[in-house]
Amino acid sequence: MDMREPNNPNTDAAQLTLDNPVTRHPKISPPKQDQPEPGLDAKLEPRADVGEDSYVGTGRLKGRKALVTGGDSGIGAAVAIAFAREGADVAIAYLPAEEEDARKVVSIIEAEGRIGIGFPGDLMDAGYRGKVVDEAAEALGGLDILVNNAGKQISVDKLEDLDDEQLAETFQVNIMSMFTLTRAALKHLPAGGSVINTTSIQAYDPSPNLLDYASTKAAINNFTKGLAGQLAPRGIRVNAVAPGPIWTPLQVSDGQPKDALPEFGQDTPLGRAGQPVELAPAYVFLASAESSYVVGETLNVNGGKTSP
């Protein structure tokens, strides 16, 4: 007869410490600050958590090969680092002005024993857009994940002050480049490959001062769903991630009004802004075989803000 005491579920529960999402990352009150566009993680106050010390991989993307646009900082950096920790080789596309951040991200990827390579250039440049995917595929020895993440966000209070130049640039970078880059990637993506687009809570709940940005994010949702239906029969899945207020250099390089920075993200049900590392698991899931039946989906990672 076994005289050992049975497991006591109440005792087990008492010993288990769960992460409280309200306090898992600090509630920040960023000081008013300004960086020239596009902004650097290295100069952000407080620094964003892109997962350098906090993301732990489990091998879910072993042997995969990914290109992440805007991979030098913010969400893109967190995704690139997470992919590497999950076993993928990663190329990042970034603006030349972001070289300092890009070098750090590439070094973190390489420290994981993965191939890490950066491709500086401007998505406003048709020549760069036309070659960066092919160059990344050649450098990595193939390509099976494309993350369309790069974005432009400039706060403008009045439509009269939103000039055609900014409007054209925002649409070119945020949505037009997705058409170009994804079309180029289709020469390389095999069955089982994945395209992941970064949209935003702004697609559903647009801020009055972000008319152009919010409009592109709504377009990205539509692009994602339409393309998903087109490519699914080929075994290529297309999905999107919709962040809420995430603390990145985008916010301090005219992405938000300077006076609003100290309260950034505090209007969410969790009461705080998100950190880039909190987005990374969504991208890992959508890139991995674990999401094999997820097609045309938008995963909302927004601290509880209302979305469809």
C-alpha atoms as a PDB file:
ATOM      1  CA  MET A   1       0.000   0.000   0.000  1.00  0.00           C
ATOM      2  CA  ASP A   2       1.369   3.437  -0.975  1.00  0.00           C
ATOM      3  CA  MET A   3       1.424   5.566   2.174  1.00  0.00           C
ATOM      4  CA  ARG A   4       2.801   8.688   0.460  1.00  0.00           C
ATOM      5  CA  GLU A   5       0.638  11.785   0.729  1.00  0.00           C
ATOM      6  CA  PRO A   6      -1.291  12.549  -2.436  1.00  0.00           C
ATOM      7  CA  ASN A   7      -0.486  15.754  -4.255  1.00  0.00           C
ATOM      8  CA  ASN A   8      -2.261  18.689  -2.711  1.00  0.00           C
ATOM      9  CA  PRO A   9      -3.396  21.000  -5.528  1.00  0.00           C
ATOM     10  CA  ASN A  10      -3.803  23.863  -3.078  1.00  0.00           C
ATOM     11  CA  THR A  11      -0.170  23.479  -1.962  1.00  0.00           C
ATOM     12  CA  ASP A  12       1.032  23.311  -5.568  1.00  0.00           C
ATOM     13  CA  ALA A  13      -0.915  26.462  -6.417  1.00  0.00           C
ATOM     14  CA  ALA A  14       0.543  28.286  -3.438  1.00  0.00           C
ATOM     15  CA  GLN A  15       4.058  27.502  -4.662  1.00  0.00           C
ATOM     16  CA  LEU A  16       3.377  28.691  -8.194  1.00  0.00           C
ATOM     17  CA  THR A  17       4.161  32.318  -8.909  1.00  0.00           C
ATOM     18  CA  LEU A  18       2.460  33.692 -12.011  1.00  0.00           C
ATOM     19  CA  ASP A  19       3.516  36.740 -13.966  1.00  0.00           C
ATOM     20  CA  ASN A  20       1.022  39.552 -13.458  1.00  0.00           C
ATOM     21  CA  PRO A  21       0.682  41.255 -16.863  1.00  0.00           C
ATOM     22  CA  VAL A  22       0.048  44.580 -15.149  1.00  0.00           C
ATOM     23  CA  THR A  23       3.453  44.518 -13.483  1.00  0.00           C
ATOM     24  CA  ARG A  24       5.475  42.119 -15.660  1.00  0.00           C
ATOM     25  CA  HIS A  25       7.001  45.172 -17.340  1.00  0.00           C
ATOM     26  CA  PRO A  26       7.310  48.559 -15.656  1.00  0.00           C
ATOM     27  CA  LYS A  27       4.731  51.269 -16.133  1.00  0.00           C
ATOM     28  CA  ILE A  28       6.734  53.974 -17.841  1.00  0.00           C
ATOM     29  CA  SER A  29       6.280  57.738 -17.808  1.00  0.00           C
ATOM     30  CA  PRO A  30       8.707  58.772 -20.545  1.00  0.00           C
ATOM     31  CA  PRO A  31      10.129  62.263 -20.289  1.00  0.00           C
ATOM     32  CA  LYS A  32       9.449  64.652 -23.130  1.00  0.00           C
ATOM     33  CA  GLN A  33      12.133  63.950 -25.705  1.00  0.00           C
ATOM     34  CA  ASP A  34      12.772  64.365 -29.377  1.00  0.00           C
ATOM     35  CA  GLN A  35      14.812  62.422 -31.884  1.00  0.00           C
ATOM     36  CA  PRO A  36      15.100  63.122 -35.586  1.00  0.00           C
ATOM     37  CA  GLU A  37      13.275  60.590 -37.701  1.00  0.00           C
ATOM     38  CA  PRO A  38      13.691  57.585 -37.705  1.00  0.00           C
ATOM     39  CA  GLY A  39      14.979  57.520 -34.102  1.00  0.00           C
ATOM     40  CA  LEU A  40      17.313  55.098 -32.320  1.00  0.00           C
ATOM     41  CA  ASP A  41      16.735  52.532 -29.584  1.00  0.00           C
ATOM     42  CA  ALA A  42      20.181  53.437 -28.299  1.00  0.00           C
ATOM     43  CA  LYS A  43      18.994  56.960 -27.419  1.00  0.00           C
ATOM     44  CA  LEU A  44      15.494  56.100 -26.192  1.00  0.00           C
ATOM     45  CA  GLU A  45      14.657  57.067 -22.601  1.00  0.00           C
ATOM     46  CA  PRO A  46      13.794  54.767 -20.951  1.00  0.00           C
ATOM     47  CA  ARG A  47      15.299  52.005 -23.072  1.00  0.00           C
ATOM     48  CA  ALA A  48      12.859  49.588 -24.666  1.00  0.00           C
ATOM     49  CA  ASP A  49      12.978  45.862 -23.904  1.00  0.00           C
ATOM     50  CA  VAL A  50      13.595  44.150 -27.244  1.00  0.00           C
ATOM     51  CA  GLY A  51      14.332  40.785 -25.643  1.00  0.00           C
ATOM     52  CA  GLU A  52      18.112  40.917 -25.550  1.00  0.00           C
ATOM     53  CA  ASP A  53      18.104  39.733 -21.943  1.00  0.00           C
ATOM     54  CA  SER A  54      14.509  38.541 -21.571  1.00  0.00           C
ATOM     55  CA  TYR A  55      13.473  36.395 -24.552  1.00  0.00           C
ATOM     56  CA  VAL A  56      14.156  32.667 -24.204  1.00  0.00           C
ATOM     57  CA  GLY A  57      13.762  30.479 -27.281  1.00  0.00           C
ATOM     58  CA  THR A  58      12.714  26.847 -27.554  1.00  0.00           C
ATOM     59  CA  GLY A  59      13.848  25.941 -31.081  1.00  0.00           C
ATOM     60  CA  ARG A  60      10.506  26.474 -32.802  1.00  0.00           C
ATOM     61  CA  LEU A  61      12.112  28.010 -35.915  1.00  0.00           C
ATOM     62  CA  LYS A  62      15.169  25.798 -36.186  1.00  0.00           C
ATOM     63  CA  GLY A  63      16.707  26.010 -39.658  1.00  0.00           C
ATOM     64  CA  ARG A  64      14.335  28.723 -40.885  1.00  0.00           C
ATOM     65  CA  LYS A  65      15.473  31.807 -42.827  1.00  0.00           C
ATOM     66  CA  ALA A  66      13.816  35.171 -42.300  1.00  0.00           C
ATOM     67  CA  LEU A  67      13.909  38.759 -43.529  1.00  0.00           C
ATOM     68  CA  VAL A  68      12.572  41.387 -41.117  1.00  0.00           C
ATOM     69  CA  THR A  69      12.110  44.956 -42.338  1.00  0.00           C
ATOM     70  CA  GLY A  70      12.647  47.629 -39.732  1.00  0.00           C
ATOM     71  CA  GLY A  71      14.606  44.987 -37.859  1.00  0.00           C
ATOM     72  CA  ASP A  72      17.047  47.351 -36.196  1.00  0.00           C
ATOM     73  CA  SER A  73      14.851  48.640 -33.366  1.00  0.00           C
ATOM     74  CA  GLY A  74      11.513  48.382 -31.623  1.00  0.00           C
ATOM     75  CA  ILE A  75       9.205  45.559 -32.664  1.00  0.00           C
ATOM     76  CA  GLY A  76      11.397  44.565 -35.615  1.00  0.00           C
ATOM     77  CA  ALA A  77      14.439  44.146 -33.376  1.00  0.00           C
ATOM     78  CA  ALA A  78      12.454  42.078 -30.893  1.00  0.00           C
ATOM     79  CA  VAL A  79      11.196  39.834 -33.700  1.00  0.00           C
ATOM     80  CA  ALA A  80      14.679  39.397 -35.200  1.00  0.00           C
ATOM     81  CA  ILE A  81      16.171  38.493 -31.812  1.00  0.00           C
ATOM     82  CA  ALA A  82      13.336  36.088 -31.005  1.00  0.00           C
ATOM     83  CA  PHE A  83      13.621  34.378 -34.395  1.00  0.00           C
ATOM     84  CA  ALA A  84      17.348  33.855 -33.819  1.00  0.00           C
ATOM     85  CA  ARG A  85      16.732  32.489 -30.319  1.00  0.00           C
ATOM     86  CA  GLU A  86      14.223  30.093 -31.902  1.00  0.00           C
ATOM     87  CA  GLY A  87      16.892  28.826 -34.313  1.00  0.00           C
ATOM     88  CA  ALA A  88      16.414  30.934 -37.455  1.00  0.00           C
ATOM     89  CA  ASP A  89      18.971  32.775 -39.566  1.00  0.00           C
ATOM     90  CA  VAL A  90      17.846  36.391 -39.871  1.00  0.00           C
ATOM     91  CA  ALA A  91      18.429  39.297 -42.242  1.00  0.00           C
ATOM     92  CA  ILE A  92      17.226  42.765 -41.286  1.00  0.00           C
ATOM     93  CA  ALA A  93      16.420  45.719 -43.527  1.00  0.00           C
ATOM     94  CA  TYR A  94      16.880  49.167 -42.020  1.00  0.00           C
ATOM     95  CA  LEU A  95      17.576  52.807 -42.784  1.00  0.00           C
ATOM     96  CA  PRO A  96      21.278  53.778 -42.942  1.00  0.00           C
ATOM     97  CA  ALA A  97      20.679  56.279 -40.118  1.00  0.00           C
ATOM     98  CA  GLU A  98      19.837  53.315 -37.874  1.00  0.00           C
ATOM     99  CA  GLU A  99      23.231  51.636 -38.282  1.00  0.00           C
ATOM    100  CA  GLU A 100      24.071  51.784 -34.562  1.00  0.00           C
ATOM    101  CA  ASP A 101      20.944  49.861 -33.593  1.00  0.00           C
ATOM    102  CA  ALA A 102      21.287  47.456 -36.528  1.00  0.00           C
ATOM    103  CA  ARG A 103      24.838  46.463 -35.618  1.00  0.00           C
ATOM    104  CA  LYS A 104      23.717  45.564 -32.108  1.00  0.00           C
ATOM    105  CA  VAL A 105      20.818  43.424 -33.336  1.00  0.00           C
ATOM    106  CA  VAL A 106      23.039  41.580 -35.824  1.00  0.00           C
ATOM    107  CA  SER A 107      25.590  40.917 -33.071  1.00  0.00           C
ATOM    108  CA  ILE A 108      22.875  39.414 -30.855  1.00  0.00           C
ATOM    109  CA  ILE A 109      21.726  37.160 -33.715  1.00  0.00           C
ATOM    110  CA  GLU A 110      25.303  36.024 -34.335  1.00  0.00           C
ATOM    111  CA  ALA A 111      25.838  35.380 -30.622  1.00  0.00           C
ATOM    112  CA  GLU A 112      23.120  32.728 -30.921  1.00  0.00           C
ATOM    113  CA  GLY A 113      25.222  30.931 -33.520  1.00  0.00           C
ATOM    114  CA  ARG A 114      22.898  32.000 -36.337  1.00  0.00           C
ATOM    115  CA  ILE A 115      23.574  33.933 -39.537  1.00  0.00           C
ATOM    116  CA  GLY A 116      22.775  37.598 -38.972  1.00  0.00           C
ATOM    117  CA  ILE A 117      23.112  40.153 -41.735  1.00  0.00           C
ATOM    118  CA  GLY A 118      21.943  43.711 -42.271  1.00  0.00           C
ATOM    119  CA  PHE A 119      20.843  45.450 -45.449  1.00  0.00           C
ATOM    120  CA  PRO A 120      20.811  49.240 -45.084  1.00  0.00           C
ATOM    121  CA  GLY A 121      18.581  51.176 -47.447  1.00  0.00           C
ATOM    122  CA  ASP A 122      15.408  53.208 -47.780  1.00  0.00           C
ATOM    123  CA  LEU A 123      12.084  51.603 -48.688  1.00  0.00           C
ATOM    124  CA  MET A 124      11.262  54.852 -50.474  1.00  0.00           C
ATOM    125  CA  ASP A 125      13.966  53.850 -52.977  1.00  0.00           C
ATOM    126  CA  ALA A 126      12.451  51.605 -55.658  1.00  0.00           C
ATOM    127  CA  GLY A 127      15.884  50.182 -56.471  1.00  0.00           C
ATOM    128  CA  TYR A 128      16.455  49.096 -52.894  1.00  0.00           C
ATOM    129  CA  ARG A 129      12.973  47.625 -52.617  1.00  0.00           C
ATOM    130  CA  GLY A 130      13.555  45.721 -55.810  1.00  0.00           C
ATOM    131  CA  LYS A 131      16.737  43.971 -54.668  1.00  0.00           C
ATOM    132  CA  VAL A 132      16.780  43.634 -50.878  1.00  0.00           C
ATOM    133  CA  VAL A 133      14.679  40.452 -50.811  1.00  0.00           C
ATOM    134  CA  ASP A 134      16.826  38.701 -53.424  1.00  0.00           C
ATOM    135  CA  GLU A 135      20.013  39.776 -51.651  1.00  0.00           C
ATOM    136  CA  ALA A 136      18.710  38.524 -48.322  1.00  0.00           C
ATOM    137  CA  ALA A 137      17.717  35.169 -49.820  1.00  0.00           C
ATOM    138  CA  GLU A 138      21.137  34.801 -51.398  1.00  0.00           C
ATOM    139  CA  ALA A 139      22.962  35.675 -48.173  1.00  0.00           C
ATOM    140  CA  LEU A 140      20.851  33.314 -46.069  1.00  0.00           C
ATOM    141  CA  GLY A 141      20.786  30.486 -48.574  1.00  0.00           C
ATOM    142  CA  GLY A 142      17.030  30.783 -49.025  1.00  0.00           C
ATOM    143  CA  LEU A 143      14.032  32.542 -47.539  1.00  0.00           C
ATOM    144  CA  ASP A 144      10.905  31.121 -45.914  1.00  0.00           C
ATOM    145  CA  ILE A 145       9.725  33.952 -43.625  1.00  0.00           C
ATOM    146  CA  LEU A 146       9.081  37.575 -44.587  1.00  0.00           C
ATOM    147  CA  VAL A 147       8.116  40.055 -41.880  1.00  0.00           C
ATOM    148  CA  ASN A 148       6.850  43.335 -43.333  1.00  0.00           C
ATOM    149  CA  ASN A 149       7.326  45.500 -40.272  1.00  0.00           C
ATOM    150  CA  ALA A 150       8.957  48.820 -41.268  1.00  0.00           C
ATOM    151  CA  GLY A 151       6.707  51.803 -40.750  1.00  0.00           C
ATOM    152  CA  LYS A 152       6.512  55.587 -40.865  1.00  0.00           C
ATOM    153  CA  GLN A 153       4.408  57.495 -38.320  1.00  0.00           C
ATOM    154  CA  ILE A 154       4.333  61.286 -38.027  1.00  0.00           C
ATOM    155  CA  SER A 155       1.767  63.036 -35.835  1.00  0.00           C
ATOM    156  CA  VAL A 156      -0.106  65.907 -37.548  1.00  0.00           C
ATOM    157  CA  ASP A 157      -2.994  67.592 -35.741  1.00  0.00           C
ATOM    158  CA  LYS A 158      -4.808  69.114 -38.733  1.00  0.00           C
ATOM    159  CA  LEU A 159      -5.564  67.740 -42.172  1.00  0.00           C
ATOM    160  CA  GLU A 160      -4.592  71.132 -43.613  1.00  0.00           C
ATOM    161  CA  ASP A 161      -1.078  70.540 -42.306  1.00  0.00           C
ATOM    162  CA  LEU A 162      -0.791  67.002 -43.694  1.00  0.00           C
ATOM    163  CA  ASP A 163       0.989  67.671 -46.967  1.00  0.00           C
ATOM    164  CA  ASP A 164       1.079  65.411 -50.004  1.00  0.00           C
ATOM    165  CA  GLU A 165       4.774  64.619 -49.496  1.00  0.00           C
ATOM    166  CA  GLN A 166       4.215  63.085 -46.064  1.00  0.00           C
ATOM    167  CA  LEU A 167       1.084  61.338 -47.285  1.00  0.00           C
ATOM    168  CA  ALA A 168       2.941  59.741 -50.192  1.00  0.00           C
ATOM    169  CA  GLU A 169       5.912  58.704 -48.046  1.00  0.00           C
ATOM    170  CA  THR A 170       3.705  57.123 -45.372  1.00  0.00           C
ATOM    171  CA  PHE A 171       1.801  55.088 -47.949  1.00  0.00           C
ATOM    172  CA  GLN A 172       4.978  54.104 -49.806  1.00  0.00           C
ATOM    173  CA  VAL A 173       6.753  52.831 -46.707  1.00  0.00           C
ATOM    174  CA  ASN A 174       3.814  51.352 -44.817  1.00  0.00           C
ATOM    175  CA  ILE A 175       1.752  49.588 -47.486  1.00  0.00           C
ATOM    176  CA  MET A 176       3.161  49.992 -51.007  1.00  0.00           C
ATOM    177  CA  SER A 177       6.461  48.413 -49.972  1.00  0.00           C
ATOM    178  CA  MET A 178       4.562  45.344 -48.754  1.00  0.00           C
ATOM    179  CA  PHE A 179       3.310  44.721 -52.275  1.00  0.00           C
ATOM    180  CA  THR A 180       6.828  45.074 -53.702  1.00  0.00           C
ATOM    181  CA  LEU A 181       8.649  43.034 -51.079  1.00  0.00           C
ATOM    182  CA  THR A 182       6.094  40.249 -50.896  1.00  0.00           C
ATOM    183  CA  ARG A 183       5.976  39.946 -54.679  1.00  0.00           C
ATOM    184  CA  ALA A 184       9.764  39.588 -54.686  1.00  0.00           C
ATOM    185  CA  ALA A 185       9.639  37.086 -51.841  1.00  0.00           C
ATOM    186  CA  LEU A 186       7.286  34.782 -53.739  1.00  0.00           C
ATOM    187  CA  LYS A 187      10.213  33.757 -55.932  1.00  0.00           C
ATOM    188  CA  HIS A 188      11.796  32.242 -52.829  1.00  0.00           C
ATOM    189  CA  LEU A 189       9.050  31.272 -50.352  1.00  0.00           C
ATOM    190  CA  PRO A 190       8.339  27.527 -50.407  1.00  0.00           C
ATOM    191  CA  ALA A 191       5.197  25.746 -49.295  1.00  0.00           C
ATOM    192  CA  GLY A 192       5.256  26.116 -45.529  1.00  0.00           C
ATOM    193  CA  GLY A 193       6.591  29.646 -45.811  1.00  0.00           C
ATOM    194  CA  SER A 194       5.053  32.572 -43.964  1.00  0.00           C
ATOM    195  CA  VAL A 195       4.417  36.274 -44.549  1.00  0.00           C
ATOM    196  CA  ILE A 196       3.677  38.349 -41.444  1.00  0.00           C
ATOM    197  CA  ASN A 197       2.613  41.996 -41.709  1.00  0.00           C
ATOM    198  CA  THR A 198       2.633  44.570 -38.915  1.00  0.00           C
ATOM    199  CA  THR A 199      -0.624  46.487 -38.726  1.00  0.00           C
ATOM    200  CA  SER A 200      -1.900  48.391 -35.648  1.00  0.00           C
ATOM    201  CA  ILE A 201      -4.738  49.154 -33.255  1.00  0.00           C
ATOM    202  CA  GLN A 202      -4.898  52.299 -35.381  1.00  0.00           C
ATOM    203  CA  ALA A 203      -6.590  50.226 -38.093  1.00  0.00           C
ATOM    204  CA  TYR A 204      -9.641  49.938 -35.800  1.00  0.00           C
ATOM    205  CA  ASP A 205      -9.358  52.944 -33.494  1.00  0.00           C
ATOM    206  CA  PRO A 206      -7.629  55.724 -35.454  1.00  0.00           C
ATOM    207  CA  SER A 207      -6.170  58.689 -33.607  1.00  0.00           C
ATOM    208  CA  PRO A 208      -7.199  62.033 -35.140  1.00  0.00           C
ATOM    209  CA  ASN A 209      -3.547  63.087 -35.379  1.00  0.00           C
ATOM    210  CA  LEU A 210      -2.492  59.940 -37.286  1.00  0.00           C
ATOM    211  CA  LEU A 211      -4.837  60.009 -40.283  1.00  0.00           C
ATOM    212  CA  ASP A 212      -2.305  58.842 -42.865  1.00  0.00           C
ATOM    213  CA  TYR A 213      -0.687  56.236 -40.636  1.00  0.00           C
ATOM    214  CA  ALA A 214      -4.012  54.791 -39.489  1.00  0.00           C
ATOM    215  CA  SER A 215      -5.269  54.610 -43.066  1.00  0.00           C
ATOM    216  CA  THR A 216      -2.260  52.545 -44.122  1.00  0.00           C
ATOM    217  CA  LYS A 217      -2.768  50.180 -41.207  1.00  0.00           C
ATOM    218  CA  ALA A 218      -6.361  49.538 -42.243  1.00  0.00           C
ATOM    219  CA  ALA A 219      -5.078  48.875 -45.769  1.00  0.00           C
ATOM    220  CA  ILE A 220      -2.539  46.385 -44.375  1.00  0.00           C
ATOM    221  CA  ASN A 221      -5.353  44.393 -42.759  1.00  0.00           C
ATOM    222  CA  ASN A 222      -7.165  44.209 -46.090  1.00  0.00           C
ATOM    223  CA  PHE A 223      -3.972  43.337 -47.972  1.00  0.00           C
ATOM    224  CA  THR A 224      -3.256  40.581 -45.462  1.00  0.00           C
ATOM    225  CA  LYS A 225      -6.664  38.933 -45.760  1.00  0.00           C
ATOM    226  CA  GLY A 226      -6.835  39.176 -49.542  1.00  0.00           C
ATOM    227  CA  LEU A 227      -3.319  37.887 -50.103  1.00  0.00           C
ATOM    228  CA  ALA A 228      -3.873  35.109 -47.563  1.00  0.00           C
ATOM    229  CA  GLY A 229      -6.699  33.742 -49.676  1.00  0.00           C
ATOM    230  CA  GLN A 230      -4.580  33.978 -52.810  1.00  0.00           C
ATOM    231  CA  LEU A 231      -1.514  32.212 -51.405  1.00  0.00           C
ATOM    232  CA  ALA A 232      -3.068  29.619 -49.115  1.00  0.00           C
ATOM    233  CA  PRO A 233      -3.508  27.052 -51.929  1.00  0.00           C
ATOM    234  CA  ARG A 234       0.254  27.329 -52.488  1.00  0.00           C
ATOM    235  CA  GLY A 235       0.941  26.471 -48.860  1.00  0.00           C
ATOM    236  CA  ILE A 236       2.132  29.982 -47.981  1.00  0.00           C
ATOM    237  CA  ARG A 237       0.377  31.516 -45.005  1.00  0.00           C
ATOM    238  CA  VAL A 238      -0.170  35.275 -44.677  1.00  0.00           C
ATOM    239  CA  ASN A 239      -1.123  36.805 -41.330  1.00  0.00           C
ATOM    240  CA  ALA A 240      -0.681  40.027 -39.385  1.00  0.00           C
ATOM    241  CA  VAL A 241       0.022  41.334 -35.897  1.00  0.00           C
ATOM    242  CA  ALA A 242      -1.715  44.472 -34.627  1.00  0.00           C
ATOM    243  CA  PRO A 243       0.243  46.127 -31.814  1.00  0.00           C
ATOM    244  CA  GLY A 244      -1.264  48.609 -29.424  1.00  0.00           C
ATOM    245  CA  PRO A 245       0.819  51.398 -27.830  1.00  0.00           C
ATOM    246  CA  ILE A 246       4.344  49.943 -27.821  1.00  0.00           C
ATOM    247  CA  TRP A 247       7.348  51.880 -26.550  1.00  0.00           C
ATOM    248  CA  THR A 248       9.695  52.305 -29.534  1.00  0.00           C
ATOM    249  CA  PRO A 249      11.748  55.085 -31.182  1.00  0.00           C
ATOM    250  CA  LEU A 250       8.798  55.653 -33.514  1.00  0.00           C
ATOM    251  CA  GLN A 251       7.019  57.456 -30.685  1.00  0.00           C
ATOM    252  CA  VAL A 252       9.751  60.024 -29.959  1.00  0.00           C
ATOM    253  CA  SER A 253      10.631  60.828 -33.580  1.00  0.00           C
ATOM    254  CA  ASP A 254       7.392  62.806 -34.094  1.00  0.00           C
ATOM    255  CA  GLY A 255       5.190  59.712 -33.915  1.00  0.00           C
ATOM    256  CA  GLN A 256       3.420  61.158 -30.877  1.00  0.00           C
ATOM    257  CA  PRO A 257       2.863  64.723 -29.635  1.00  0.00           C
ATOM    258  CA  LYS A 258       5.698  65.479 -27.228  1.00  0.00           C
ATOM    259  CA  ASP A 259       3.309  66.531 -24.467  1.00  0.00           C
ATOM    260  CA  ALA A 260       1.592  63.140 -24.645  1.00  0.00           C
ATOM    261  CA  LEU A 261       4.730  61.048 -24.078  1.00  0.00           C
ATOM    262  CA  PRO A 262       4.613  60.937 -20.227  1.00  0.00           C
ATOM    263  CA  GLU A 263       1.179  59.233 -20.384  1.00  0.00           C
ATOM    264  CA  PHE A 264       1.918  57.047 -23.404  1.00  0.00           C
ATOM    265  CA  GLY A 265       0.049  53.732 -23.205  1.00  0.00           C
ATOM    266  CA  GLN A 266      -1.483  54.381 -19.799  1.00  0.00           C
ATOM    267  CA  ASP A 267      -5.011  54.414 -21.248  1.00  0.00           C
ATOM    268  CA  THR A 268      -4.943  50.642 -21.866  1.00  0.00           C
ATOM    269  CA  PRO A 269      -6.788  48.279 -19.508  1.00  0.00           C
ATOM    270  CA  LEU A 270      -3.371  47.058 -18.314  1.00  0.00           C
ATOM    271  CA  GLY A 271      -2.504  50.668 -17.522  1.00  0.00           C
ATOM    272  CA  ARG A 272       0.864  50.707 -19.266  1.00  0.00           C
ATOM    273  CA  ALA A 273       2.581  50.781 -22.641  1.00  0.00           C
ATOM    274  CA  GLY A 274       3.751  47.492 -24.083  1.00  0.00           C
ATOM    275  CA  GLN A 275       7.375  46.551 -24.649  1.00  0.00           C
ATOM    276  CA  PRO A 276       8.586  45.253 -28.033  1.00  0.00           C
ATOM    277  CA  VAL A 277       9.523  41.858 -26.560  1.00  0.00           C
ATOM    278  CA  GLU A 278       5.838  41.308 -25.719  1.00  0.00           C
ATOM    279  CA  LEU A 279       5.067  41.271 -29.465  1.00  0.00           C
ATOM    280  CA  ALA A 280       7.733  38.725 -30.381  1.00  0.00           C
ATOM    281  CA  PRO A 281       5.823  35.549 -29.379  1.00  0.00           C
ATOM    282  CA  ALA A 282       2.966  36.454 -31.729  1.00  0.00           C
ATOM    283  CA  TYR A 283       5.345  36.641 -34.695  1.00  0.00           C
ATOM    284  CA  VAL A 284       7.081  33.421 -33.657  1.00  0.00           C
ATOM    285  CA  PHE A 285       3.724  31.651 -33.463  1.00  0.00           C
ATOM    286  CA  LEU A 286       2.624  32.878 -36.886  1.00  0.00           C
ATOM    287  CA  ALA A 287       5.968  31.916 -38.442  1.00  0.00           C
ATOM    288  CA  SER A 288       6.035  28.437 -36.910  1.00  0.00           C
ATOM    289  CA  ALA A 289       4.259  25.234 -37.909  1.00  0.00           C
ATOM    290  CA  GLU A 290       2.225  25.545 -34.707  1.00  0.00           C
ATOM    291  CA  SER A 291      -0.032  27.989 -36.580  1.00  0.00           C
ATOM    292  CA  SER A 292      -0.462  25.782 -39.655  1.00  0.00           C
ATOM    293  CA  TYR A 293      -4.244  26.337 -39.709  1.00  0.00           C
ATOM    294  CA  VAL A 294      -4.055  30.093 -39.078  1.00  0.00           C
ATOM    295  CA  VAL A 295      -4.515  32.016 -42.335  1.00  0.00           C
ATOM    296  CA  GLY A 296      -5.538  35.635 -42.895  1.00  0.00           C
ATOM    297  CA  GLU A 297      -5.614  36.308 -39.158  1.00  0.00           C
ATOM    298  CA  THR A 298      -4.722  39.512 -37.317  1.00  0.00           C
ATOM    299  CA  LEU A 299      -3.432  38.888 -33.804  1.00  0.00           C
ATOM    300  CA  ASN A 300      -4.118  41.865 -31.557  1.00  0.00           C
ATOM    301  CA  VAL A 301      -1.420  42.492 -28.952  1.00  0.00           C
ATOM    302  CA  ASN A 302      -2.608  45.741 -27.463  1.00  0.00           C
ATOM    303  CA  GLY A 303      -2.940  45.623 -23.685  1.00  0.00           C
ATOM    304  CA  GLY A 304      -6.709  45.119 -23.839  1.00  0.00           C
ATOM    305  CA  LYS A 305      -7.775  47.886 -26.202  1.00  0.00           C
ATOM    306  CA  THR A 306     -11.025  47.130 -28.005  1.00  0.00           C
ATOM    307  CA  SER A 307     -10.640  45.636 -31.461  1.00  0.00           C
ATOM    308  CA  PRO A 308     -12.737  43.380 -33.704  1.00  0.00           C
END
